Amino acid sequence: TETHDRRMQLMLYVSFANTAIKYA
């Protein structure tokens, strides 16, 4: 989730949450 673009970081958080749901 490391990035200088805060918007992109928010996108990465959402992507990580989506992968967590896939994992479940």
PDBML (XML) file of the C-alpha atoms, coordinates in Angstrom:
<?xml version="1.0" encoding="UTF-8" ?>
<PDBx:datablock datablockName="MODEL"
   xmlns:PDBx="http://pdbml.pdb.org/schema/pdbx-v50.xsd"
   xmlns:xsi="http://www.w3.org/2001/XMLSchema-instance"
   xsi:schemaLocation="http://pdbml.pdb.org/schema/pdbx-v50.xsd pdbx-v50.xsd">
   <PDBx:atom_siteCategory>
      <PDBx:atom_site id="1">
         <PDBx:B_iso_or_equiv>0.00</PDBx:B_iso_or_equiv>
         <PDBx:Cartn_x>0.000</PDBx:Cartn_x>
         <PDBx:Cartn_y>0.000</PDBx:Cartn_y>
         <PDBx:Cartn_z>0.000</PDBx:Cartn_z>
         <PDBx:auth_asym_id>A</PDBx:auth_asym_id>
         <PDBx:auth_atom_id>CA</PDBx:auth_atom_id>
         <PDBx:auth_comp_id>THR</PDBx:auth_comp_id>
         <PDBx:auth_seq_id>1</PDBx:auth_seq_id>
         <PDBx:group_PDB>ATOM</PDBx:group_PDB>
         <PDBx:label_alt_id xsi:nil="true" />
         <PDBx:label_asym_id>A</PDBx:label_asym_id>
         <PDBx:label_atom_id>CA</PDBx:label_atom_id>
         <PDBx:label_comp_id>THR</PDBx:label_comp_id>
         <PDBx:label_entity_id>1</PDBx:label_entity_id>
         <PDBx:label_seq_id>1</PDBx:label_seq_id>
         <PDBx:occupancy>1.00</PDBx:occupancy>
         <PDBx:pdbx_PDB_model_num>1</PDBx:pdbx_PDB_model_num>
         <PDBx:type_symbol>C</PDBx:type_symbol>
      </PDBx:atom_site>
      <PDBx:atom_site id="2">
         <PDBx:B_iso_or_equiv>0.00</PDBx:B_iso_or_equiv>
         <PDBx:Cartn_x>3.032</PDBx:Cartn_x>
         <PDBx:Cartn_y>2.296</PDBx:Cartn_y>
         <PDBx:Cartn_z>-0.144</PDBx:Cartn_z>
         <PDBx:auth_asym_id>A</PDBx:auth_asym_id>
         <PDBx:auth_atom_id>CA</PDBx:auth_atom_id>
         <PDBx:auth_comp_id>GLU</PDBx:auth_comp_id>
         <PDBx:auth_seq_id>2</PDBx:auth_seq_id>
         <PDBx:group_PDB>ATOM</PDBx:group_PDB>
         <PDBx:label_alt_id xsi:nil="true" />
         <PDBx:label_asym_id>A</PDBx:label_asym_id>
         <PDBx:label_atom_id>CA</PDBx:label_atom_id>
         <PDBx:label_comp_id>GLU</PDBx:label_comp_id>
         <PDBx:label_entity_id>1</PDBx:label_entity_id>
         <PDBx:label_seq_id>2</PDBx:label_seq_id>
         <PDBx:occupancy>1.00</PDBx:occupancy>
         <PDBx:pdbx_PDB_model_num>1</PDBx:pdbx_PDB_model_num>
         <PDBx:type_symbol>C</PDBx:type_symbol>
      </PDBx:atom_site>
      <PDBx:atom_site id="3">
         <PDBx:B_iso_or_equiv>0.00</PDBx:B_iso_or_equiv>
         <PDBx:Cartn_x>2.703</PDBx:Cartn_x>
         <PDBx:Cartn_y>5.127</PDBx:Cartn_y>
         <PDBx:Cartn_z>-2.677</PDBx:Cartn_z>
         <PDBx:auth_asym_id>A</PDBx:auth_asym_id>
         <PDBx:auth_atom_id>CA</PDBx:auth_atom_id>
         <PDBx:auth_comp_id>THR</PDBx:auth_comp_id>
         <PDBx:auth_seq_id>3</PDBx:auth_seq_id>
         <PDBx:group_PDB>ATOM</PDBx:group_PDB>
         <PDBx:label_alt_id xsi:nil="true" />
         <PDBx:label_asym_id>A</PDBx:label_asym_id>
         <PDBx:label_atom_id>CA</PDBx:label_atom_id>
         <PDBx:label_comp_id>THR</PDBx:label_comp_id>
         <PDBx:label_entity_id>1</PDBx:label_entity_id>
         <PDBx:label_seq_id>3</PDBx:label_seq_id>
         <PDBx:occupancy>1.00</PDBx:occupancy>
         <PDBx:pdbx_PDB_model_num>1</PDBx:pdbx_PDB_model_num>
         <PDBx:type_symbol>C</PDBx:type_symbol>
      </PDBx:atom_site>
      <PDBx:atom_site id="4">
         <PDBx:B_iso_or_equiv>0.00</PDBx:B_iso_or_equiv>
         <PDBx:Cartn_x>3.173</PDBx:Cartn_x>
         <PDBx:Cartn_y>8.899</PDBx:Cartn_y>
         <PDBx:Cartn_z>-2.883</PDBx:Cartn_z>
         <PDBx:auth_asym_id>A</PDBx:auth_asym_id>
         <PDBx:auth_atom_id>CA</PDBx:auth_atom_id>
         <PDBx:auth_comp_id>HIS</PDBx:auth_comp_id>
         <PDBx:auth_seq_id>4</PDBx:auth_seq_id>
         <PDBx:group_PDB>ATOM</PDBx:group_PDB>
         <PDBx:label_alt_id xsi:nil="true" />
         <PDBx:label_asym_id>A</PDBx:label_asym_id>
         <PDBx:label_atom_id>CA</PDBx:label_atom_id>
         <PDBx:label_comp_id>HIS</PDBx:label_comp_id>
         <PDBx:label_entity_id>1</PDBx:label_entity_id>
         <PDBx:label_seq_id>4</PDBx:label_seq_id>
         <PDBx:occupancy>1.00</PDBx:occupancy>
         <PDBx:pdbx_PDB_model_num>1</PDBx:pdbx_PDB_model_num>
         <PDBx:type_symbol>C</PDBx:type_symbol>
      </PDBx:atom_site>
      <PDBx:atom_site id="5">
         <PDBx:B_iso_or_equiv>0.00</PDBx:B_iso_or_equiv>
         <PDBx:Cartn_x>-0.237</PDBx:Cartn_x>
         <PDBx:Cartn_y>9.368</PDBx:Cartn_y>
         <PDBx:Cartn_z>-4.511</PDBx:Cartn_z>
         <PDBx:auth_asym_id>A</PDBx:auth_asym_id>
         <PDBx:auth_atom_id>CA</PDBx:auth_atom_id>
         <PDBx:auth_comp_id>ASP</PDBx:auth_comp_id>
         <PDBx:auth_seq_id>5</PDBx:auth_seq_id>
         <PDBx:group_PDB>ATOM</PDBx:group_PDB>
         <PDBx:label_alt_id xsi:nil="true" />
         <PDBx:label_asym_id>A</PDBx:label_asym_id>
         <PDBx:label_atom_id>CA</PDBx:label_atom_id>
         <PDBx:label_comp_id>ASP</PDBx:label_comp_id>
         <PDBx:label_entity_id>1</PDBx:label_entity_id>
         <PDBx:label_seq_id>5</PDBx:label_seq_id>
         <PDBx:occupancy>1.00</PDBx:occupancy>
         <PDBx:pdbx_PDB_model_num>1</PDBx:pdbx_PDB_model_num>
         <PDBx:type_symbol>C</PDBx:type_symbol>
      </PDBx:atom_site>
      <PDBx:atom_site id="6">
         <PDBx:B_iso_or_equiv>0.00</PDBx:B_iso_or_equiv>
         <PDBx:Cartn_x>-2.842</PDBx:Cartn_x>
         <PDBx:Cartn_y>9.373</PDBx:Cartn_y>
         <PDBx:Cartn_z>-1.728</PDBx:Cartn_z>
         <PDBx:auth_asym_id>A</PDBx:auth_asym_id>
         <PDBx:auth_atom_id>CA</PDBx:auth_atom_id>
         <PDBx:auth_comp_id>ARG</PDBx:auth_comp_id>
         <PDBx:auth_seq_id>6</PDBx:auth_seq_id>
         <PDBx:group_PDB>ATOM</PDBx:group_PDB>
         <PDBx:label_alt_id xsi:nil="true" />
         <PDBx:label_asym_id>A</PDBx:label_asym_id>
         <PDBx:label_atom_id>CA</PDBx:label_atom_id>
         <PDBx:label_comp_id>ARG</PDBx:label_comp_id>
         <PDBx:label_entity_id>1</PDBx:label_entity_id>
         <PDBx:label_seq_id>6</PDBx:label_seq_id>
         <PDBx:occupancy>1.00</PDBx:occupancy>
         <PDBx:pdbx_PDB_model_num>1</PDBx:pdbx_PDB_model_num>
         <PDBx:type_symbol>C</PDBx:type_symbol>
      </PDBx:atom_site>
      <PDBx:atom_site id="7">
         <PDBx:B_iso_or_equiv>0.00</PDBx:B_iso_or_equiv>
         <PDBx:Cartn_x>-5.665</PDBx:Cartn_x>
         <PDBx:Cartn_y>8.649</PDBx:Cartn_y>
         <PDBx:Cartn_z>-4.186</PDBx:Cartn_z>
         <PDBx:auth_asym_id>A</PDBx:auth_asym_id>
         <PDBx:auth_atom_id>CA</PDBx:auth_atom_id>
         <PDBx:auth_comp_id>ARG</PDBx:auth_comp_id>
         <PDBx:auth_seq_id>7</PDBx:auth_seq_id>
         <PDBx:group_PDB>ATOM</PDBx:group_PDB>
         <PDBx:label_alt_id xsi:nil="true" />
         <PDBx:label_asym_id>A</PDBx:label_asym_id>
         <PDBx:label_atom_id>CA</PDBx:label_atom_id>
         <PDBx:label_comp_id>ARG</PDBx:label_comp_id>
         <PDBx:label_entity_id>1</PDBx:label_entity_id>
         <PDBx:label_seq_id>7</PDBx:label_seq_id>
         <PDBx:occupancy>1.00</PDBx:occupancy>
         <PDBx:pdbx_PDB_model_num>1</PDBx:pdbx_PDB_model_num>
         <PDBx:type_symbol>C</PDBx:type_symbol>
      </PDBx:atom_site>
      <PDBx:atom_site id="8">
         <PDBx:B_iso_or_equiv>0.00</PDBx:B_iso_or_equiv>
         <PDBx:Cartn_x>-3.807</PDBx:Cartn_x>
         <PDBx:Cartn_y>5.646</PDBx:Cartn_y>
         <PDBx:Cartn_z>-5.499</PDBx:Cartn_z>
         <PDBx:auth_asym_id>A</PDBx:auth_asym_id>
         <PDBx:auth_atom_id>CA</PDBx:auth_atom_id>
         <PDBx:auth_comp_id>MET</PDBx:auth_comp_id>
         <PDBx:auth_seq_id>8</PDBx:auth_seq_id>
         <PDBx:group_PDB>ATOM</PDBx:group_PDB>
         <PDBx:label_alt_id xsi:nil="true" />
         <PDBx:label_asym_id>A</PDBx:label_asym_id>
         <PDBx:label_atom_id>CA</PDBx:label_atom_id>
         <PDBx:label_comp_id>MET</PDBx:label_comp_id>
         <PDBx:label_entity_id>1</PDBx:label_entity_id>
         <PDBx:label_seq_id>8</PDBx:label_seq_id>
         <PDBx:occupancy>1.00</PDBx:occupancy>
         <PDBx:pdbx_PDB_model_num>1</PDBx:pdbx_PDB_model_num>
         <PDBx:type_symbol>C</PDBx:type_symbol>
      </PDBx:atom_site>
      <PDBx:atom_site id="9">
         <PDBx:B_iso_or_equiv>0.00</PDBx:B_iso_or_equiv>
         <PDBx:Cartn_x>-3.232</PDBx:Cartn_x>
         <PDBx:Cartn_y>4.520</PDBx:Cartn_y>
         <PDBx:Cartn_z>-1.922</PDBx:Cartn_z>
         <PDBx:auth_asym_id>A</PDBx:auth_asym_id>
         <PDBx:auth_atom_id>CA</PDBx:auth_atom_id>
         <PDBx:auth_comp_id>GLN</PDBx:auth_comp_id>
         <PDBx:auth_seq_id>9</PDBx:auth_seq_id>
         <PDBx:group_PDB>ATOM</PDBx:group_PDB>
         <PDBx:label_alt_id xsi:nil="true" />
         <PDBx:label_asym_id>A</PDBx:label_asym_id>
         <PDBx:label_atom_id>CA</PDBx:label_atom_id>
         <PDBx:label_comp_id>GLN</PDBx:label_comp_id>
         <PDBx:label_entity_id>1</PDBx:label_entity_id>
         <PDBx:label_seq_id>9</PDBx:label_seq_id>
         <PDBx:occupancy>1.00</PDBx:occupancy>
         <PDBx:pdbx_PDB_model_num>1</PDBx:pdbx_PDB_model_num>
         <PDBx:type_symbol>C</PDBx:type_symbol>
      </PDBx:atom_site>
      <PDBx:atom_site id="10">
         <PDBx:B_iso_or_equiv>0.00</PDBx:B_iso_or_equiv>
         <PDBx:Cartn_x>-6.968</PDBx:Cartn_x>
         <PDBx:Cartn_y>4.572</PDBx:Cartn_y>
         <PDBx:Cartn_z>-1.297</PDBx:Cartn_z>
         <PDBx:auth_asym_id>A</PDBx:auth_asym_id>
         <PDBx:auth_atom_id>CA</PDBx:auth_atom_id>
         <PDBx:auth_comp_id>LEU</PDBx:auth_comp_id>
         <PDBx:auth_seq_id>10</PDBx:auth_seq_id>
         <PDBx:group_PDB>ATOM</PDBx:group_PDB>
         <PDBx:label_alt_id xsi:nil="true" />
         <PDBx:label_asym_id>A</PDBx:label_asym_id>
         <PDBx:label_atom_id>CA</PDBx:label_atom_id>
         <PDBx:label_comp_id>LEU</PDBx:label_comp_id>
         <PDBx:label_entity_id>1</PDBx:label_entity_id>
         <PDBx:label_seq_id>10</PDBx:label_seq_id>
         <PDBx:occupancy>1.00</PDBx:occupancy>
         <PDBx:pdbx_PDB_model_num>1</PDBx:pdbx_PDB_model_num>
         <PDBx:type_symbol>C</PDBx:type_symbol>
      </PDBx:atom_site>
      <PDBx:atom_site id="11">
         <PDBx:B_iso_or_equiv>0.00</PDBx:B_iso_or_equiv>
         <PDBx:Cartn_x>-7.420</PDBx:Cartn_x>
         <PDBx:Cartn_y>2.461</PDBx:Cartn_y>
         <PDBx:Cartn_z>-4.430</PDBx:Cartn_z>
         <PDBx:auth_asym_id>A</PDBx:auth_asym_id>
         <PDBx:auth_atom_id>CA</PDBx:auth_atom_id>
         <PDBx:auth_comp_id>MET</PDBx:auth_comp_id>
         <PDBx:auth_seq_id>11</PDBx:auth_seq_id>
         <PDBx:group_PDB>ATOM</PDBx:group_PDB>
         <PDBx:label_alt_id xsi:nil="true" />
         <PDBx:label_asym_id>A</PDBx:label_asym_id>
         <PDBx:label_atom_id>CA</PDBx:label_atom_id>
         <PDBx:label_comp_id>MET</PDBx:label_comp_id>
         <PDBx:label_entity_id>1</PDBx:label_entity_id>
         <PDBx:label_seq_id>11</PDBx:label_seq_id>
         <PDBx:occupancy>1.00</PDBx:occupancy>
         <PDBx:pdbx_PDB_model_num>1</PDBx:pdbx_PDB_model_num>
         <PDBx:type_symbol>C</PDBx:type_symbol>
      </PDBx:atom_site>
      <PDBx:atom_site id="12">
         <PDBx:B_iso_or_equiv>0.00</PDBx:B_iso_or_equiv>
         <PDBx:Cartn_x>-4.832</PDBx:Cartn_x>
         <PDBx:Cartn_y>0.001</PDBx:Cartn_y>
         <PDBx:Cartn_z>-3.120</PDBx:Cartn_z>
         <PDBx:auth_asym_id>A</PDBx:auth_asym_id>
         <PDBx:auth_atom_id>CA</PDBx:auth_atom_id>
         <PDBx:auth_comp_id>LEU</PDBx:auth_comp_id>
         <PDBx:auth_seq_id>12</PDBx:auth_seq_id>
         <PDBx:group_PDB>ATOM</PDBx:group_PDB>
         <PDBx:label_alt_id xsi:nil="true" />
         <PDBx:label_asym_id>A</PDBx:label_asym_id>
         <PDBx:label_atom_id>CA</PDBx:label_atom_id>
         <PDBx:label_comp_id>LEU</PDBx:label_comp_id>
         <PDBx:label_entity_id>1</PDBx:label_entity_id>
         <PDBx:label_seq_id>12</PDBx:label_seq_id>
         <PDBx:occupancy>1.00</PDBx:occupancy>
         <PDBx:pdbx_PDB_model_num>1</PDBx:pdbx_PDB_model_num>
         <PDBx:type_symbol>C</PDBx:type_symbol>
      </PDBx:atom_site>
      <PDBx:atom_site id="13">
         <PDBx:B_iso_or_equiv>0.00</PDBx:B_iso_or_equiv>
         <PDBx:Cartn_x>-6.685</PDBx:Cartn_x>
         <PDBx:Cartn_y>-0.282</PDBx:Cartn_y>
         <PDBx:Cartn_z>0.197</PDBx:Cartn_z>
         <PDBx:auth_asym_id>A</PDBx:auth_asym_id>
         <PDBx:auth_atom_id>CA</PDBx:auth_atom_id>
         <PDBx:auth_comp_id>TYR</PDBx:auth_comp_id>
         <PDBx:auth_seq_id>13</PDBx:auth_seq_id>
         <PDBx:group_PDB>ATOM</PDBx:group_PDB>
         <PDBx:label_alt_id xsi:nil="true" />
         <PDBx:label_asym_id>A</PDBx:label_asym_id>
         <PDBx:label_atom_id>CA</PDBx:label_atom_id>
         <PDBx:label_comp_id>TYR</PDBx:label_comp_id>
         <PDBx:label_entity_id>1</PDBx:label_entity_id>
         <PDBx:label_seq_id>13</PDBx:label_seq_id>
         <PDBx:occupancy>1.00</PDBx:occupancy>
         <PDBx:pdbx_PDB_model_num>1</PDBx:pdbx_PDB_model_num>
         <PDBx:type_symbol>C</PDBx:type_symbol>
      </PDBx:atom_site>
      <PDBx:atom_site id="14">
         <PDBx:B_iso_or_equiv>0.00</PDBx:B_iso_or_equiv>
         <PDBx:Cartn_x>-9.940</PDBx:Cartn_x>
         <PDBx:Cartn_y>-1.051</PDBx:Cartn_y>
         <PDBx:Cartn_z>-1.633</PDBx:Cartn_z>
         <PDBx:auth_asym_id>A</PDBx:auth_asym_id>
         <PDBx:auth_atom_id>CA</PDBx:auth_atom_id>
         <PDBx:auth_comp_id>VAL</PDBx:auth_comp_id>
         <PDBx:auth_seq_id>14</PDBx:auth_seq_id>
         <PDBx:group_PDB>ATOM</PDBx:group_PDB>
         <PDBx:label_alt_id xsi:nil="true" />
         <PDBx:label_asym_id>A</PDBx:label_asym_id>
         <PDBx:label_atom_id>CA</PDBx:label_atom_id>
         <PDBx:label_comp_id>VAL</PDBx:label_comp_id>
         <PDBx:label_entity_id>1</PDBx:label_entity_id>
         <PDBx:label_seq_id>14</PDBx:label_seq_id>
         <PDBx:occupancy>1.00</PDBx:occupancy>
         <PDBx:pdbx_PDB_model_num>1</PDBx:pdbx_PDB_model_num>
         <PDBx:type_symbol>C</PDBx:type_symbol>
      </PDBx:atom_site>
      <PDBx:atom_site id="15">
         <PDBx:B_iso_or_equiv>0.00</PDBx:B_iso_or_equiv>
         <PDBx:Cartn_x>-8.151</PDBx:Cartn_x>
         <PDBx:Cartn_y>-3.588</PDBx:Cartn_y>
         <PDBx:Cartn_z>-3.850</PDBx:Cartn_z>
         <PDBx:auth_asym_id>A</PDBx:auth_asym_id>
         <PDBx:auth_atom_id>CA</PDBx:auth_atom_id>
         <PDBx:auth_comp_id>SER</PDBx:auth_comp_id>
         <PDBx:auth_seq_id>15</PDBx:auth_seq_id>
         <PDBx:group_PDB>ATOM</PDBx:group_PDB>
         <PDBx:label_alt_id xsi:nil="true" />
         <PDBx:label_asym_id>A</PDBx:label_asym_id>
         <PDBx:label_atom_id>CA</PDBx:label_atom_id>
         <PDBx:label_comp_id>SER</PDBx:label_comp_id>
         <PDBx:label_entity_id>1</PDBx:label_entity_id>
         <PDBx:label_seq_id>15</PDBx:label_seq_id>
         <PDBx:occupancy>1.00</PDBx:occupancy>
         <PDBx:pdbx_PDB_model_num>1</PDBx:pdbx_PDB_model_num>
         <PDBx:type_symbol>C</PDBx:type_symbol>
      </PDBx:atom_site>
      <PDBx:atom_site id="16">
         <PDBx:B_iso_or_equiv>0.00</PDBx:B_iso_or_equiv>
         <PDBx:Cartn_x>-6.685</PDBx:Cartn_x>
         <PDBx:Cartn_y>-5.274</PDBx:Cartn_y>
         <PDBx:Cartn_z>-0.767</PDBx:Cartn_z>
         <PDBx:auth_asym_id>A</PDBx:auth_asym_id>
         <PDBx:auth_atom_id>CA</PDBx:auth_atom_id>
         <PDBx:auth_comp_id>PHE</PDBx:auth_comp_id>
         <PDBx:auth_seq_id>16</PDBx:auth_seq_id>
         <PDBx:group_PDB>ATOM</PDBx:group_PDB>
         <PDBx:label_alt_id xsi:nil="true" />
         <PDBx:label_asym_id>A</PDBx:label_asym_id>
         <PDBx:label_atom_id>CA</PDBx:label_atom_id>
         <PDBx:label_comp_id>PHE</PDBx:label_comp_id>
         <PDBx:label_entity_id>1</PDBx:label_entity_id>
         <PDBx:label_seq_id>16</PDBx:label_seq_id>
         <PDBx:occupancy>1.00</PDBx:occupancy>
         <PDBx:pdbx_PDB_model_num>1</PDBx:pdbx_PDB_model_num>
         <PDBx:type_symbol>C</PDBx:type_symbol>
      </PDBx:atom_site>
      <PDBx:atom_site id="17">
         <PDBx:B_iso_or_equiv>0.00</PDBx:B_iso_or_equiv>
         <PDBx:Cartn_x>-10.172</PDBx:Cartn_x>
         <PDBx:Cartn_y>-5.461</PDBx:Cartn_y>
         <PDBx:Cartn_z>0.799</PDBx:Cartn_z>
         <PDBx:auth_asym_id>A</PDBx:auth_asym_id>
         <PDBx:auth_atom_id>CA</PDBx:auth_atom_id>
         <PDBx:auth_comp_id>ALA</PDBx:auth_comp_id>
         <PDBx:auth_seq_id>17</PDBx:auth_seq_id>
         <PDBx:group_PDB>ATOM</PDBx:group_PDB>
         <PDBx:label_alt_id xsi:nil="true" />
         <PDBx:label_asym_id>A</PDBx:label_asym_id>
         <PDBx:label_atom_id>CA</PDBx:label_atom_id>
         <PDBx:label_comp_id>ALA</PDBx:label_comp_id>
         <PDBx:label_entity_id>1</PDBx:label_entity_id>
         <PDBx:label_seq_id>17</PDBx:label_seq_id>
         <PDBx:occupancy>1.00</PDBx:occupancy>
         <PDBx:pdbx_PDB_model_num>1</PDBx:pdbx_PDB_model_num>
         <PDBx:type_symbol>C</PDBx:type_symbol>
      </PDBx:atom_site>
      <PDBx:atom_site id="18">
         <PDBx:B_iso_or_equiv>0.00</PDBx:B_iso_or_equiv>
         <PDBx:Cartn_x>-11.520</PDBx:Cartn_x>
         <PDBx:Cartn_y>-7.005</PDBx:Cartn_y>
         <PDBx:Cartn_z>-2.404</PDBx:Cartn_z>
         <PDBx:auth_asym_id>A</PDBx:auth_asym_id>
         <PDBx:auth_atom_id>CA</PDBx:auth_atom_id>
         <PDBx:auth_comp_id>ASN</PDBx:auth_comp_id>
         <PDBx:auth_seq_id>18</PDBx:auth_seq_id>
         <PDBx:group_PDB>ATOM</PDBx:group_PDB>
         <PDBx:label_alt_id xsi:nil="true" />
         <PDBx:label_asym_id>A</PDBx:label_asym_id>
         <PDBx:label_atom_id>CA</PDBx:label_atom_id>
         <PDBx:label_comp_id>ASN</PDBx:label_comp_id>
         <PDBx:label_entity_id>1</PDBx:label_entity_id>
         <PDBx:label_seq_id>18</PDBx:label_seq_id>
         <PDBx:occupancy>1.00</PDBx:occupancy>
         <PDBx:pdbx_PDB_model_num>1</PDBx:pdbx_PDB_model_num>
         <PDBx:type_symbol>C</PDBx:type_symbol>
      </PDBx:atom_site>
      <PDBx:atom_site id="19">
         <PDBx:B_iso_or_equiv>0.00</PDBx:B_iso_or_equiv>
         <PDBx:Cartn_x>-8.802</PDBx:Cartn_x>
         <PDBx:Cartn_y>-9.658</PDBx:Cartn_y>
         <PDBx:Cartn_z>-2.359</PDBx:Cartn_z>
         <PDBx:auth_asym_id>A</PDBx:auth_asym_id>
         <PDBx:auth_atom_id>CA</PDBx:auth_atom_id>
         <PDBx:auth_comp_id>THR</PDBx:auth_comp_id>
         <PDBx:auth_seq_id>19</PDBx:auth_seq_id>
         <PDBx:group_PDB>ATOM</PDBx:group_PDB>
         <PDBx:label_alt_id xsi:nil="true" />
         <PDBx:label_asym_id>A</PDBx:label_asym_id>
         <PDBx:label_atom_id>CA</PDBx:label_atom_id>
         <PDBx:label_comp_id>THR</PDBx:label_comp_id>
         <PDBx:label_entity_id>1</PDBx:label_entity_id>
         <PDBx:label_seq_id>19</PDBx:label_seq_id>
         <PDBx:occupancy>1.00</PDBx:occupancy>
         <PDBx:pdbx_PDB_model_num>1</PDBx:pdbx_PDB_model_num>
         <PDBx:type_symbol>C</PDBx:type_symbol>
      </PDBx:atom_site>
      <PDBx:atom_site id="20">
         <PDBx:B_iso_or_equiv>0.00</PDBx:B_iso_or_equiv>
         <PDBx:Cartn_x>-9.586</PDBx:Cartn_x>
         <PDBx:Cartn_y>-10.341</PDBx:Cartn_y>
         <PDBx:Cartn_z>1.303</PDBx:Cartn_z>
         <PDBx:auth_asym_id>A</PDBx:auth_asym_id>
         <PDBx:auth_atom_id>CA</PDBx:auth_atom_id>
         <PDBx:auth_comp_id>ALA</PDBx:auth_comp_id>
         <PDBx:auth_seq_id>20</PDBx:auth_seq_id>
         <PDBx:group_PDB>ATOM</PDBx:group_PDB>
         <PDBx:label_alt_id xsi:nil="true" />
         <PDBx:label_asym_id>A</PDBx:label_asym_id>
         <PDBx:label_atom_id>CA</PDBx:label_atom_id>
         <PDBx:label_comp_id>ALA</PDBx:label_comp_id>
         <PDBx:label_entity_id>1</PDBx:label_entity_id>
         <PDBx:label_seq_id>20</PDBx:label_seq_id>
         <PDBx:occupancy>1.00</PDBx:occupancy>
         <PDBx:pdbx_PDB_model_num>1</PDBx:pdbx_PDB_model_num>
         <PDBx:type_symbol>C</PDBx:type_symbol>
      </PDBx:atom_site>
      <PDBx:atom_site id="21">
         <PDBx:B_iso_or_equiv>0.00</PDBx:B_iso_or_equiv>
         <PDBx:Cartn_x>-13.201</PDBx:Cartn_x>
         <PDBx:Cartn_y>-11.096</PDBx:Cartn_y>
         <PDBx:Cartn_z>0.346</PDBx:Cartn_z>
         <PDBx:auth_asym_id>A</PDBx:auth_asym_id>
         <PDBx:auth_atom_id>CA</PDBx:auth_atom_id>
         <PDBx:auth_comp_id>ILE</PDBx:auth_comp_id>
         <PDBx:auth_seq_id>21</PDBx:auth_seq_id>
         <PDBx:group_PDB>ATOM</PDBx:group_PDB>
         <PDBx:label_alt_id xsi:nil="true" />
         <PDBx:label_asym_id>A</PDBx:label_asym_id>
         <PDBx:label_atom_id>CA</PDBx:label_atom_id>
         <PDBx:label_comp_id>ILE</PDBx:label_comp_id>
         <PDBx:label_entity_id>1</PDBx:label_entity_id>
         <PDBx:label_seq_id>21</PDBx:label_seq_id>
         <PDBx:occupancy>1.00</PDBx:occupancy>
         <PDBx:pdbx_PDB_model_num>1</PDBx:pdbx_PDB_model_num>
         <PDBx:type_symbol>C</PDBx:type_symbol>
      </PDBx:atom_site>
      <PDBx:atom_site id="22">
         <PDBx:B_iso_or_equiv>0.00</PDBx:B_iso_or_equiv>
         <PDBx:Cartn_x>-11.973</PDBx:Cartn_x>
         <PDBx:Cartn_y>-13.408</PDBx:Cartn_y>
         <PDBx:Cartn_z>-2.417</PDBx:Cartn_z>
         <PDBx:auth_asym_id>A</PDBx:auth_asym_id>
         <PDBx:auth_atom_id>CA</PDBx:auth_atom_id>
         <PDBx:auth_comp_id>LYS</PDBx:auth_comp_id>
         <PDBx:auth_seq_id>22</PDBx:auth_seq_id>
         <PDBx:group_PDB>ATOM</PDBx:group_PDB>
         <PDBx:label_alt_id xsi:nil="true" />
         <PDBx:label_asym_id>A</PDBx:label_asym_id>
         <PDBx:label_atom_id>CA</PDBx:label_atom_id>
         <PDBx:label_comp_id>LYS</PDBx:label_comp_id>
         <PDBx:label_entity_id>1</PDBx:label_entity_id>
         <PDBx:label_seq_id>22</PDBx:label_seq_id>
         <PDBx:occupancy>1.00</PDBx:occupancy>
         <PDBx:pdbx_PDB_model_num>1</PDBx:pdbx_PDB_model_num>
         <PDBx:type_symbol>C</PDBx:type_symbol>
      </PDBx:atom_site>
      <PDBx:atom_site id="23">
         <PDBx:B_iso_or_equiv>0.00</PDBx:B_iso_or_equiv>
         <PDBx:Cartn_x>-9.766</PDBx:Cartn_x>
         <PDBx:Cartn_y>-15.094</PDBx:Cartn_y>
         <PDBx:Cartn_z>0.164</PDBx:Cartn_z>
         <PDBx:auth_asym_id>A</PDBx:auth_asym_id>
         <PDBx:auth_atom_id>CA</PDBx:auth_atom_id>
         <PDBx:auth_comp_id>TYR</PDBx:auth_comp_id>
         <PDBx:auth_seq_id>23</PDBx:auth_seq_id>
         <PDBx:group_PDB>ATOM</PDBx:group_PDB>
         <PDBx:label_alt_id xsi:nil="true" />
         <PDBx:label_asym_id>A</PDBx:label_asym_id>
         <PDBx:label_atom_id>CA</PDBx:label_atom_id>
         <PDBx:label_comp_id>TYR</PDBx:label_comp_id>
         <PDBx:label_entity_id>1</PDBx:label_entity_id>
         <PDBx:label_seq_id>23</PDBx:label_seq_id>
         <PDBx:occupancy>1.00</PDBx:occupancy>
         <PDBx:pdbx_PDB_model_num>1</PDBx:pdbx_PDB_model_num>
         <PDBx:type_symbol>C</PDBx:type_symbol>
      </PDBx:atom_site>
      <PDBx:atom_site id="24">
         <PDBx:B_iso_or_equiv>0.00</PDBx:B_iso_or_equiv>
         <PDBx:Cartn_x>-12.754</PDBx:Cartn_x>
         <PDBx:Cartn_y>-15.661</PDBx:Cartn_y>
         <PDBx:Cartn_z>2.487</PDBx:Cartn_z>
         <PDBx:auth_asym_id>A</PDBx:auth_asym_id>
         <PDBx:auth_atom_id>CA</PDBx:auth_atom_id>
         <PDBx:auth_comp_id>ALA</PDBx:auth_comp_id>
         <PDBx:auth_seq_id>24</PDBx:auth_seq_id>
         <PDBx:group_PDB>ATOM</PDBx:group_PDB>
         <PDBx:label_alt_id xsi:nil="true" />
         <PDBx:label_asym_id>A</PDBx:label_asym_id>
         <PDBx:label_atom_id>CA</PDBx:label_atom_id>
         <PDBx:label_comp_id>ALA</PDBx:label_comp_id>
         <PDBx:label_entity_id>1</PDBx:label_entity_id>
         <PDBx:label_seq_id>24</PDBx:label_seq_id>
         <PDBx:occupancy>1.00</PDBx:occupancy>
         <PDBx:pdbx_PDB_model_num>1</PDBx:pdbx_PDB_model_num>
         <PDBx:type_symbol>C</PDBx:type_symbol>
      </PDBx:atom_site>
   </PDBx:atom_siteCategory>
</PDBx:datablock>
